[in-house]
Amino acid sequence: MIPNGISRLWLGRMALAFAGVLLTASAIAQIAPARTWPELKEAVQERVNRQAYPLTGMDAKDVAEILGRINSLDRDEWARSWSMTGEKYLNEGRAHEKKKDRHAREKAREAYLAAWRYFGFGAWPTQNSPGKKEAHGRAIEAFRAYAALAQPKIEVIRMPFEGKEITGYLQLPAGVRPAPVVMSVGGLDSYKEFVVEQYGPIYQAAGLGYLALDMPGTGESPIKIDPDSGRIYSRLIDYLLTRKDIDPKRIGFQGVSWGGYWAARMAFLEKDRLRAVTYWAGPVDMYFSREWQIKALGTREYLFDLFPARAGVYGVTELEDFLAYGPKMSLKAAGLLGKPTPPMLLVNGERDSQVPIDDLYLLLRSGSPKDAWVNPEGGHIGRNKEWSDLRIMREVVAPWFARQLKK
């Protein structure tokens, strides 16, 4: 019997609210607990010792010193310690640059790149505290100093876009004009600067230019993720087609990890303007399901703060908002999977715990014929002890692009 003054409608609302609380609590309970500080400290040192992502290029002794200054999981404490080492290398780079000779110029480039790595990891994987935001700004400053000294020239592209600005890095291969260019998009935590540092030399060695870009919701992107965010890349294709030093018939597109989603989406949306596309370990459909996210958010393949990084690209902070938003991004739900594409290469590892390998197979089985490279023993990106990101890029991805973008 319902007590006086209490309506059935009110009780119904209360029941739904309570069910929502239970649902949220159930979801949270299924997510593995985050690493403690001692666990994270050990995991970071272990990765830098074997030069594994996201600590490639860093000095193990530097990292040990940085970690020794940190005593908790506080984000600003984290950013502060990494930034101290970043400042050391930034000042070192400035001192070398003042000397003006060729050897000093090379030393300055190396120091600026090191400064970017340390500042950047102080801001990793997402800028969700004042200290991390400041570290990200300093990382950009250090990287711009590196880019200004690069050979061949790294051009900083700035383009007005919906009242804001798109920023990217364009580097063309020496002696090739008009040049083939790959639009190369980073992932959830591997921004356009990472693309330049890691993949730029490999593109160059293959005779390919590249335009390094952030994906929506990360780095300096002017927009967050929504189903129509691919418009930012269509605008950039418009821009590339205006340049006489770029071959309009040899434009490719690559996206890594979350960026792989944009590669797949743009393959459908821009099939007539893109010559070749590499989808590298990106979401397609299952990734966006509630079941997968609850499972994947607890992966130990990712160091820390995976949920804040994933939620941040949508502009949400609550778990239920995040889980509800994801299905809007499914390529299957958008009706794109059966449509034709330019030639595509699909890459990932069978044991990926961050993005389901089923998404690659779904893409492979639909629409136009595609090439695929899957490491049966690989995790996210296809990486394992034998196959690093760089080896996959050097031996699989870049040669494929070189073949597809030949005259």
Foldseek 3Di string as FASTA:
>chain_A
DDDPPDDPVNVVVVVVVVVVVVVQVVLVVLFADADWLVRLLVVVLVCCVLCAPPNHPADSVLSNQLSVQDDGPDLLSLLVSLQVQLVVLQVQLVVLVVVVDPVSLVSSLSSLQNSLSSLLVSLPQHNPDPSNVVSLVSSVVSLVSNQPSDPPHWDWDWDDDPNHIFTKTKDAAPPDFLFFEEAEEEDLRCALSNCCVQVVVLCNVLRHIYIGGYQALDDPDPHFDAQPSLVVVVVVLVVQVVDRSHDQQRYEYEYFEQGLLSQVVCQQVVQPRHQETERFQHAAAPLLASVLCSQLSNDVVDSDDPVVSQQSSNPDDDPVVSSVRRRSNHNVVVVRLQEAGHEYEYEFECAESNYHCVRSVSSCPHHDHYHYDYQPPAYGRNDDPVDGNSNCSNPPVSVVSSVRRPD
